[in-house]
Amino acid sequence: MNDENLQKDTVQYTALIPLYGRMIAGKRFPDILRDETAERVCGSVEYDFSGVAKTYGGEYAAVTCLIRAARMDECVRAYLAGHPDGTVVNLGAGLDDTFSRVDNGRVRWYNLDLPDTVAYRERFIAPAERCRNIAKSMFDYSWLDEAATADGSVLILAAGLFFYFDHAQIKELFSAISGRFPHGELFFETCSKSGTKIANKMVRKTGNAGAEMKFWVDDADEVKAWSPAIKEAVCLPFFAGRAKDKRLSFMTRIIMRGADALKRTKFVRVIW
């Protein structure tokens, strides 16, 4: 499939970036995660990845993409251990294929993304009986009815998504989700306020003024204040001990240690 004309501001290009990182890092560190879908898709796309490789082919960036996916897998497996017939909704799914790695034969899975992204996704990853795609904005709350569950419980995933929306939008999204599902968990990736400022400075240097990061979390109490329905909110270190892996370069391990120590990048787990 000819994707040579993809532009950097297209959703297709954006979807390919983390995929490429997972492919590169997964081949080197299969014990962390081996993303066979990433390898297959990157191998089938007629696209020169040399530009992506300059940024996401580097060790730190590629391993970050891989660890993000591995942490998501861990979260889903833990949830399904207690809810084997549970429902999972992957917001902003792009070309992510977490389902194929964690499927327990019983879970119901929904990948939600914008219509053009879903159309691109389905060129490479076909929907399955228990894994459907929903082509809508996450702020089009009609998707909540499509993902309705018998027991009212759900796990919501959001990797690399909330950054680009303001706090009021994310709080409203949570309110809609928790109002539709009486019980559930939300697992998302975020940065601290200082980390967001640093990231935005780097983005502006690239000339991409339309990708400013707006959302951050410094402390789990900020999230817990979203709703009295929240039973628990906890911030989890992004790299979670991976900086001890001596297969990684000294500089990569230093950056990882700093990110976790300063809590500049993290995952947040919310239970209601």
C-alpha atoms as a PDB file:
ATOM      1  CA  MET A   1       0.000   0.000   0.000  1.00  0.00           C
ATOM      2  CA  ASN A   2       1.488   3.295  -1.097  1.00  0.00           C
ATOM      3  CA  ASP A   3       1.780   5.725   1.798  1.00  0.00           C
ATOM      4  CA  GLU A   4       4.717   7.679   0.427  1.00  0.00           C
ATOM      5  CA  ASN A   5       2.719  10.916   0.329  1.00  0.00           C
ATOM      6  CA  LEU A   6       1.786  10.959   4.013  1.00  0.00           C
ATOM      7  CA  GLN A   7       2.239  14.420   5.516  1.00  0.00           C
ATOM      8  CA  LYS A   8       3.410  15.067   9.060  1.00  0.00           C
ATOM      9  CA  ASP A   9       0.109  16.670  10.064  1.00  0.00           C
ATOM     10  CA  THR A  10      -2.080  13.723   9.037  1.00  0.00           C
ATOM     11  CA  VAL A  11      -3.636  11.241  11.443  1.00  0.00           C
ATOM     12  CA  GLN A  12      -2.101   8.422   9.446  1.00  0.00           C
ATOM     13  CA  TYR A  13       1.399   9.751  10.006  1.00  0.00           C
ATOM     14  CA  THR A  14       0.671  10.261  13.705  1.00  0.00           C
ATOM     15  CA  ALA A  15      -0.579   6.678  13.997  1.00  0.00           C
ATOM     16  CA  LEU A  16       2.571   5.300  12.384  1.00  0.00           C
ATOM     17  CA  ILE A  17       5.006   7.059  14.751  1.00  0.00           C
ATOM     18  CA  PRO A  18       4.468   5.008  17.965  1.00  0.00           C
ATOM     19  CA  LEU A  19       4.015   1.908  15.821  1.00  0.00           C
ATOM     20  CA  TYR A  20       7.501   2.381  14.409  1.00  0.00           C
ATOM     21  CA  GLY A  21       8.953   2.929  17.863  1.00  0.00           C
ATOM     22  CA  ARG A  22       7.380  -0.289  19.166  1.00  0.00           C
ATOM     23  CA  MET A  23       8.671  -2.221  16.171  1.00  0.00           C
ATOM     24  CA  ILE A  24      12.263  -1.032  16.597  1.00  0.00           C
ATOM     25  CA  ALA A  25      12.416  -1.444  20.377  1.00  0.00           C
ATOM     26  CA  GLY A  26      10.409  -4.690  20.392  1.00  0.00           C
ATOM     27  CA  LYS A  27      12.927  -6.441  18.174  1.00  0.00           C
ATOM     28  CA  ARG A  28      15.710  -5.497  20.577  1.00  0.00           C
ATOM     29  CA  PHE A  29      13.769  -6.046  23.814  1.00  0.00           C
ATOM     30  CA  PRO A  30      11.196  -8.791  23.109  1.00  0.00           C
ATOM     31  CA  ASP A  31      11.153  -9.618  26.828  1.00  0.00           C
ATOM     32  CA  ILE A  32       9.519  -6.239  27.450  1.00  0.00           C
ATOM     33  CA  LEU A  33       7.050  -6.606  24.607  1.00  0.00           C
ATOM     34  CA  ARG A  34       7.059  -7.947  21.050  1.00  0.00           C
ATOM     35  CA  ASP A  35       4.522  -6.094  18.920  1.00  0.00           C
ATOM     36  CA  GLU A  36       3.993  -8.420  15.979  1.00  0.00           C
ATOM     37  CA  THR A  37       1.272  -6.173  14.569  1.00  0.00           C
ATOM     38  CA  ALA A  38       3.699  -3.233  14.492  1.00  0.00           C
ATOM     39  CA  GLU A  39       6.239  -5.360  12.637  1.00  0.00           C
ATOM     40  CA  ARG A  40       3.643  -6.542  10.137  1.00  0.00           C
ATOM     41  CA  VAL A  41       2.157  -3.117   9.457  1.00  0.00           C
ATOM     42  CA  CYS A  42       5.485  -1.290   9.202  1.00  0.00           C
ATOM     43  CA  GLY A  43       6.670  -4.007   6.850  1.00  0.00           C
ATOM     44  CA  SER A  44       3.635  -3.664   4.590  1.00  0.00           C
ATOM     45  CA  VAL A  45       3.445   0.133   4.352  1.00  0.00           C
ATOM     46  CA  GLU A  46       5.234   1.602   1.335  1.00  0.00           C
ATOM     47  CA  TYR A  47       6.689   4.476   3.274  1.00  0.00           C
ATOM     48  CA  ASP A  48      10.177   5.806   3.882  1.00  0.00           C
ATOM     49  CA  PHE A  49      10.531   5.759   7.662  1.00  0.00           C
ATOM     50  CA  SER A  50      13.908   7.517   7.624  1.00  0.00           C
ATOM     51  CA  GLY A  51      12.345  10.783   8.831  1.00  0.00           C
ATOM     52  CA  VAL A  52      10.523   9.057  11.692  1.00  0.00           C
ATOM     53  CA  ALA A  53      13.666   7.111  12.533  1.00  0.00           C
ATOM     54  CA  LYS A  54      15.611  10.312  13.226  1.00  0.00           C
ATOM     55  CA  THR A  55      13.424  10.897  16.288  1.00  0.00           C
ATOM     56  CA  TYR A  56      11.634   7.656  17.121  1.00  0.00           C
ATOM     57  CA  GLY A  57      14.377   5.296  16.032  1.00  0.00           C
ATOM     58  CA  GLY A  58      16.597   6.543  18.834  1.00  0.00           C
ATOM     59  CA  GLU A  59      16.863   4.284  21.860  1.00  0.00           C
ATOM     60  CA  TYR A  60      15.049   6.439  24.418  1.00  0.00           C
ATOM     61  CA  ALA A  61      12.115   7.391  22.192  1.00  0.00           C
ATOM     62  CA  ALA A  62      11.631   3.871  20.841  1.00  0.00           C
ATOM     63  CA  VAL A  63      11.860   2.205  24.261  1.00  0.00           C
ATOM     64  CA  THR A  64       9.402   4.751  25.657  1.00  0.00           C
ATOM     65  CA  CYS A  65       6.866   3.701  22.998  1.00  0.00           C
ATOM     66  CA  LEU A  66       7.440   0.057  23.923  1.00  0.00           C
ATOM     67  CA  ILE A  67       7.203   0.566  27.679  1.00  0.00           C
ATOM     68  CA  ARG A  68       4.003   2.579  27.260  1.00  0.00           C
ATOM     69  CA  ALA A  69       2.422  -0.389  25.469  1.00  0.00           C
ATOM     70  CA  ALA A  70       3.769  -2.867  28.033  1.00  0.00           C
ATOM     71  CA  ARG A  71       2.313  -0.856  30.928  1.00  0.00           C
ATOM     72  CA  MET A  72      -1.059  -0.758  29.174  1.00  0.00           C
ATOM     73  CA  ASP A  73      -0.907  -4.540  28.708  1.00  0.00           C
ATOM     74  CA  GLU A  74      -0.150  -5.001  32.415  1.00  0.00           C
ATOM     75  CA  CYS A  75      -3.099  -2.838  33.379  1.00  0.00           C
ATOM     76  CA  VAL A  76      -5.513  -4.777  31.152  1.00  0.00           C
ATOM     77  CA  ARG A  77      -4.308  -8.177  32.367  1.00  0.00           C
ATOM     78  CA  ALA A  78      -4.730  -7.084  35.986  1.00  0.00           C
ATOM     79  CA  TYR A  79      -8.244  -5.841  35.252  1.00  0.00           C
ATOM     80  CA  LEU A  80      -9.250  -9.000  33.404  1.00  0.00           C
ATOM     81  CA  ALA A  81      -7.936 -11.142  36.261  1.00  0.00           C
ATOM     82  CA  GLY A  82     -10.798  -9.727  38.337  1.00  0.00           C
ATOM     83  CA  HIS A  83     -13.248  -9.176  35.451  1.00  0.00           C
ATOM     84  CA  PRO A  84     -12.660 -11.998  32.931  1.00  0.00           C
ATOM     85  CA  ASP A  85     -15.829 -11.075  31.024  1.00  0.00           C
ATOM     86  CA  GLY A  86     -15.081  -7.371  31.269  1.00  0.00           C
ATOM     87  CA  THR A  87     -15.279  -4.588  28.719  1.00  0.00           C
ATOM     88  CA  VAL A  88     -12.287  -2.478  27.671  1.00  0.00           C
ATOM     89  CA  VAL A  89     -12.447   0.754  25.669  1.00  0.00           C
ATOM     90  CA  ASN A  90      -9.202   1.959  24.093  1.00  0.00           C
ATOM     91  CA  LEU A  91      -9.552   5.707  23.471  1.00  0.00           C
ATOM     92  CA  GLY A  92      -7.525   7.148  20.607  1.00  0.00           C
ATOM     93  CA  ALA A  93      -6.532   3.640  19.555  1.00  0.00           C
ATOM     94  CA  GLY A  94      -4.808   4.556  16.286  1.00  0.00           C
ATOM     95  CA  LEU A  95      -2.912   1.469  15.104  1.00  0.00           C
ATOM     96  CA  ASP A  96      -2.589  -0.009  18.574  1.00  0.00           C
ATOM     97  CA  ASP A  97      -3.398  -3.730  18.794  1.00  0.00           C
ATOM     98  CA  THR A  98      -3.320  -4.338  22.539  1.00  0.00           C
ATOM     99  CA  PHE A  99      -6.332  -6.640  22.174  1.00  0.00           C
ATOM    100  CA  SER A 100      -4.381  -9.311  20.292  1.00  0.00           C
ATOM    101  CA  ARG A 101      -1.791  -9.492  23.082  1.00  0.00           C
ATOM    102  CA  VAL A 102      -4.110  -9.608  26.088  1.00  0.00           C
ATOM    103  CA  ASP A 103      -7.227 -11.362  24.763  1.00  0.00           C
ATOM    104  CA  ASN A 104      -8.414 -13.929  27.305  1.00  0.00           C
ATOM    105  CA  GLY A 105     -11.063 -15.328  24.975  1.00  0.00           C
ATOM    106  CA  ARG A 106     -13.874 -13.564  26.854  1.00  0.00           C
ATOM    107  CA  VAL A 107     -13.198  -9.814  26.985  1.00  0.00           C
ATOM    108  CA  ARG A 108     -15.273  -7.389  24.903  1.00  0.00           C
ATOM    109  CA  TRP A 109     -13.061  -4.725  23.359  1.00  0.00           C
ATOM    110  CA  TYR A 110     -13.729  -1.399  21.641  1.00  0.00           C
ATOM    111  CA  ASN A 111     -11.156   0.704  19.810  1.00  0.00           C
ATOM    112  CA  LEU A 112     -12.378   4.288  19.555  1.00  0.00           C
ATOM    113  CA  ASP A 113     -10.901   6.917  17.266  1.00  0.00           C
ATOM    114  CA  LEU A 114     -11.886   9.534  14.705  1.00  0.00           C
ATOM    115  CA  PRO A 115     -13.459   8.244  11.464  1.00  0.00           C
ATOM    116  CA  ASP A 116     -10.430   8.866   9.231  1.00  0.00           C
ATOM    117  CA  THR A 117      -8.137   7.164  11.729  1.00  0.00           C
ATOM    118  CA  VAL A 118     -10.440   4.152  12.029  1.00  0.00           C
ATOM    119  CA  ALA A 119     -10.631   3.892   8.229  1.00  0.00           C
ATOM    120  CA  TYR A 120      -6.829   3.869   8.078  1.00  0.00           C
ATOM    121  CA  ARG A 121      -6.642   1.368  10.937  1.00  0.00           C
ATOM    122  CA  GLU A 122      -8.937  -1.067   9.142  1.00  0.00           C
ATOM    123  CA  ARG A 123      -6.572  -1.205   6.187  1.00  0.00           C
ATOM    124  CA  PHE A 124      -4.214  -3.168   8.421  1.00  0.00           C
ATOM    125  CA  ILE A 125      -6.103  -4.457  11.465  1.00  0.00           C
ATOM    126  CA  ALA A 126      -9.480  -6.053  10.861  1.00  0.00           C
ATOM    127  CA  PRO A 127     -12.177  -5.917  13.562  1.00  0.00           C
ATOM    128  CA  ALA A 128     -12.901  -9.198  15.338  1.00  0.00           C
ATOM    129  CA  GLU A 129     -15.963 -10.761  16.935  1.00  0.00           C
ATOM    130  CA  ARG A 130     -15.161  -9.356  20.373  1.00  0.00           C
ATOM    131  CA  CYS A 131     -13.058  -6.431  19.160  1.00  0.00           C
ATOM    132  CA  ARG A 132     -14.999  -3.649  17.459  1.00  0.00           C
ATOM    133  CA  ASN A 133     -13.998  -0.225  16.198  1.00  0.00           C
ATOM    134  CA  ILE A 134     -16.032   2.883  16.987  1.00  0.00           C
ATOM    135  CA  ALA A 135     -15.422   5.745  14.548  1.00  0.00           C
ATOM    136  CA  LYS A 136     -16.251   8.736  16.730  1.00  0.00           C
ATOM    137  CA  SER A 137     -14.711  11.499  18.777  1.00  0.00           C
ATOM    138  CA  MET A 138     -14.394  10.598  22.441  1.00  0.00           C
ATOM    139  CA  PHE A 139     -16.455  13.740  23.098  1.00  0.00           C
ATOM    140  CA  ASP A 140     -19.342  12.331  21.065  1.00  0.00           C
ATOM    141  CA  TYR A 141     -20.804  10.563  24.052  1.00  0.00           C
ATOM    142  CA  SER A 142     -23.056   8.339  21.962  1.00  0.00           C
ATOM    143  CA  TRP A 143     -20.139   5.872  22.001  1.00  0.00           C
ATOM    144  CA  LEU A 144     -20.983   5.188  25.632  1.00  0.00           C
ATOM    145  CA  ASP A 145     -24.174   3.446  24.536  1.00  0.00           C
ATOM    146  CA  GLU A 146     -22.316   1.375  21.933  1.00  0.00           C
ATOM    147  CA  ALA A 147     -19.929   0.124  24.610  1.00  0.00           C
ATOM    148  CA  ALA A 148     -22.620  -0.548  27.209  1.00  0.00           C
ATOM    149  CA  THR A 149     -21.918  -3.457  29.559  1.00  0.00           C
ATOM    150  CA  ALA A 150     -24.249  -5.845  31.327  1.00  0.00           C
ATOM    151  CA  ASP A 151     -22.737  -5.258  34.770  1.00  0.00           C
ATOM    152  CA  GLY A 152     -22.027  -1.543  34.323  1.00  0.00           C
ATOM    153  CA  SER A 153     -18.267  -2.003  34.681  1.00  0.00           C
ATOM    154  CA  VAL A 154     -15.555  -0.895  32.252  1.00  0.00           C
ATOM    155  CA  LEU A 155     -11.832  -0.282  31.857  1.00  0.00           C
ATOM    156  CA  ILE A 156     -10.949   2.851  29.865  1.00  0.00           C
ATOM    157  CA  LEU A 157      -7.444   3.209  28.396  1.00  0.00           C
ATOM    158  CA  ALA A 158      -5.921   6.452  27.120  1.00  0.00           C
ATOM    159  CA  ALA A 159      -2.287   6.365  26.017  1.00  0.00           C
ATOM    160  CA  GLY A 160      -0.770   9.555  24.616  1.00  0.00           C
ATOM    161  CA  LEU A 161      -4.192  11.154  24.187  1.00  0.00           C
ATOM    162  CA  PHE A 162      -5.252  13.475  27.004  1.00  0.00           C
ATOM    163  CA  PHE A 163      -2.226  15.765  26.568  1.00  0.00           C
ATOM    164  CA  TYR A 164      -3.879  17.796  23.824  1.00  0.00           C
ATOM    165  CA  PHE A 165      -7.134  18.684  25.603  1.00  0.00           C
ATOM    166  CA  ASP A 166      -7.751  21.082  28.442  1.00  0.00           C
ATOM    167  CA  HIS A 167      -8.603  20.061  31.985  1.00  0.00           C
ATOM    168  CA  ALA A 168     -12.281  20.971  31.695  1.00  0.00           C
ATOM    169  CA  GLN A 169     -12.699  18.690  28.678  1.00  0.00           C
ATOM    170  CA  ILE A 170     -11.076  15.696  30.393  1.00  0.00           C
ATOM    171  CA  LYS A 171     -13.054  16.254  33.582  1.00  0.00           C
ATOM    172  CA  GLU A 172     -16.276  16.403  31.533  1.00  0.00           C
ATOM    173  CA  LEU A 173     -15.258  13.212  29.713  1.00  0.00           C
ATOM    174  CA  PHE A 174     -14.742  11.420  33.018  1.00  0.00           C
ATOM    175  CA  SER A 175     -18.089  12.684  34.282  1.00  0.00           C
ATOM    176  CA  ALA A 176     -19.819  11.263  31.201  1.00  0.00           C
ATOM    177  CA  ILE A 177     -18.033   7.904  31.511  1.00  0.00           C
ATOM    178  CA  SER A 178     -18.649   7.482  35.242  1.00  0.00           C
ATOM    179  CA  GLY A 179     -22.261   8.571  34.764  1.00  0.00           C
ATOM    180  CA  ARG A 180     -22.807   5.825  32.182  1.00  0.00           C
ATOM    181  CA  PHE A 181     -20.754   3.109  33.918  1.00  0.00           C
ATOM    182  CA  PRO A 182     -21.408   2.888  37.681  1.00  0.00           C
ATOM    183  CA  HIS A 183     -18.133   1.033  38.266  1.00  0.00           C
ATOM    184  CA  GLY A 184     -14.885   1.142  36.393  1.00  0.00           C
ATOM    185  CA  GLU A 185     -11.263   2.078  35.996  1.00  0.00           C
ATOM    186  CA  LEU A 186      -9.483   4.705  33.926  1.00  0.00           C
ATOM    187  CA  PHE A 187      -5.810   4.273  33.100  1.00  0.00           C
ATOM    188  CA  PHE A 188      -4.113   7.130  31.299  1.00  0.00           C
ATOM    189  CA  GLU A 189      -0.729   8.626  30.516  1.00  0.00           C
ATOM    190  CA  THR A 190       0.134  12.196  31.428  1.00  0.00           C
ATOM    191  CA  CYS A 191       2.908  14.631  32.357  1.00  0.00           C
ATOM    192  CA  SER A 192       3.496  17.070  35.174  1.00  0.00           C
ATOM    193  CA  LYS A 193       2.973  20.802  34.602  1.00  0.00           C
ATOM    194  CA  SER A 194       6.740  21.352  34.359  1.00  0.00           C
ATOM    195  CA  GLY A 195       7.101  18.400  32.005  1.00  0.00           C
ATOM    196  CA  THR A 196       4.367  19.823  29.798  1.00  0.00           C
ATOM    197  CA  LYS A 197       6.114  23.198  29.603  1.00  0.00           C
ATOM    198  CA  ILE A 198       9.367  21.535  28.541  1.00  0.00           C
ATOM    199  CA  ALA A 199       7.573  19.401  25.947  1.00  0.00           C
ATOM    200  CA  ASN A 200       5.780  22.432  24.493  1.00  0.00           C
ATOM    201  CA  LYS A 201       9.048  24.339  24.148  1.00  0.00           C
ATOM    202  CA  MET A 202      10.489  21.426  22.181  1.00  0.00           C
ATOM    203  CA  VAL A 203       7.394  21.192  19.977  1.00  0.00           C
ATOM    204  CA  ARG A 204       7.485  24.922  19.202  1.00  0.00           C
ATOM    205  CA  LYS A 205      11.094  24.595  18.056  1.00  0.00           C
ATOM    206  CA  THR A 206       9.922  22.160  15.381  1.00  0.00           C
ATOM    207  CA  GLY A 207       7.531  24.792  14.040  1.00  0.00           C
ATOM    208  CA  ASN A 208       4.467  22.717  14.900  1.00  0.00           C
ATOM    209  CA  ALA A 209       2.345  25.312  16.673  1.00  0.00           C
ATOM    210  CA  GLY A 210      -0.809  23.200  16.472  1.00  0.00           C
ATOM    211  CA  ALA A 211       0.288  20.399  18.804  1.00  0.00           C
ATOM    212  CA  GLU A 212       0.471  22.213  22.132  1.00  0.00           C
ATOM    213  CA  MET A 213       0.014  20.065  25.221  1.00  0.00           C
ATOM    214  CA  LYS A 214      -2.642  21.459  27.573  1.00  0.00           C
ATOM    215  CA  PHE A 215      -3.374  18.750  30.132  1.00  0.00           C
ATOM    216  CA  TRP A 216      -1.191  17.655  33.020  1.00  0.00           C
ATOM    217  CA  VAL A 217      -1.407  16.052  36.459  1.00  0.00           C
ATOM    218  CA  ASP A 218       1.009  16.888  39.253  1.00  0.00           C
ATOM    219  CA  ASP A 219      -0.716  14.990  42.049  1.00  0.00           C
ATOM    220  CA  ALA A 220      -3.335  12.243  42.224  1.00  0.00           C
ATOM    221  CA  ASP A 221      -5.436  14.391  44.565  1.00  0.00           C
ATOM    222  CA  GLU A 222      -6.090  16.714  41.607  1.00  0.00           C
ATOM    223  CA  VAL A 223      -7.769  13.813  39.825  1.00  0.00           C
ATOM    224  CA  LYS A 224      -9.606  12.555  42.884  1.00  0.00           C
ATOM    225  CA  ALA A 225     -11.247  15.982  43.156  1.00  0.00           C
ATOM    226  CA  TRP A 226     -12.957  15.426  39.795  1.00  0.00           C
ATOM    227  CA  SER A 227     -15.812  13.493  41.373  1.00  0.00           C
ATOM    228  CA  PRO A 228     -17.014  12.191  44.762  1.00  0.00           C
ATOM    229  CA  ALA A 229     -17.577   8.863  42.976  1.00  0.00           C
ATOM    230  CA  ILE A 230     -13.827   8.285  42.706  1.00  0.00           C
ATOM    231  CA  LYS A 231     -12.669   5.736  45.262  1.00  0.00           C
ATOM    232  CA  GLU A 232      -8.983   5.810  44.406  1.00  0.00           C
ATOM    233  CA  ALA A 233      -6.611   7.789  42.213  1.00  0.00           C
ATOM    234  CA  VAL A 234      -2.909   7.015  42.131  1.00  0.00           C
ATOM    235  CA  CYS A 235       0.051   8.208  40.067  1.00  0.00           C
ATOM    236  CA  LEU A 236       2.400   5.480  38.863  1.00  0.00           C
ATOM    237  CA  PRO A 237       5.968   5.982  37.588  1.00  0.00           C
ATOM    238  CA  PHE A 238       6.189   5.654  33.827  1.00  0.00           C
ATOM    239  CA  PHE A 239       9.342   3.532  33.639  1.00  0.00           C
ATOM    240  CA  ALA A 240       8.804   1.586  36.882  1.00  0.00           C
ATOM    241  CA  GLY A 241      12.351   0.304  37.409  1.00  0.00           C
ATOM    242  CA  ARG A 242      13.301  -0.071  33.736  1.00  0.00           C
ATOM    243  CA  ALA A 243      16.178   2.378  34.285  1.00  0.00           C
ATOM    244  CA  LYS A 244      18.052  -0.498  35.958  1.00  0.00           C
ATOM    245  CA  ASP A 245      18.239  -2.378  32.655  1.00  0.00           C
ATOM    246  CA  LYS A 246      21.944  -2.252  31.747  1.00  0.00           C
ATOM    247  CA  ARG A 247      21.206  -3.172  28.148  1.00  0.00           C
ATOM    248  CA  LEU A 248      20.135   0.450  27.782  1.00  0.00           C
ATOM    249  CA  SER A 249      22.664   3.211  27.290  1.00  0.00           C
ATOM    250  CA  PHE A 250      23.815   5.217  30.284  1.00  0.00           C
ATOM    251  CA  MET A 251      22.112   8.359  28.931  1.00  0.00           C
ATOM    252  CA  THR A 252      18.781   6.569  28.401  1.00  0.00           C
ATOM    253  CA  ARG A 253      18.859   5.255  31.971  1.00  0.00           C
ATOM    254  CA  ILE A 254      19.666   8.719  33.339  1.00  0.00           C
ATOM    255  CA  ILE A 255      16.715  10.261  31.472  1.00  0.00           C
ATOM    256  CA  MET A 256      14.412   7.490  32.733  1.00  0.00           C
ATOM    257  CA  ARG A 257      15.536   7.946  36.333  1.00  0.00           C
ATOM    258  CA  GLY A 258      15.027  11.683  36.101  1.00  0.00           C
ATOM    259  CA  ALA A 259      11.561  11.347  34.567  1.00  0.00           C
ATOM    260  CA  ASP A 260      10.401   9.008  37.320  1.00  0.00           C
ATOM    261  CA  ALA A 261      12.117  10.850  40.174  1.00  0.00           C
ATOM    262  CA  LEU A 262      10.687  14.223  39.134  1.00  0.00           C
ATOM    263  CA  LYS A 263       7.359  12.633  38.162  1.00  0.00           C
ATOM    264  CA  ARG A 264       7.442  14.434  34.829  1.00  0.00           C
ATOM    265  CA  THR A 265       5.874  11.512  33.009  1.00  0.00           C
ATOM    266  CA  LYS A 266       3.506   9.079  34.664  1.00  0.00           C
ATOM    267  CA  PHE A 267       0.435   6.919  34.451  1.00  0.00           C
ATOM    268  CA  VAL A 268      -2.672   7.633  36.491  1.00  0.00           C
ATOM    269  CA  ARG A 269      -5.046   4.887  37.638  1.00  0.00           C
ATOM    270  CA  VAL A 270      -8.541   5.960  38.672  1.00  0.00           C
ATOM    271  CA  ILE A 271     -11.107   3.634  40.257  1.00  0.00           C
ATOM    272  CA  TRP A 272     -14.719   4.598  40.878  1.00  0.00           C
END
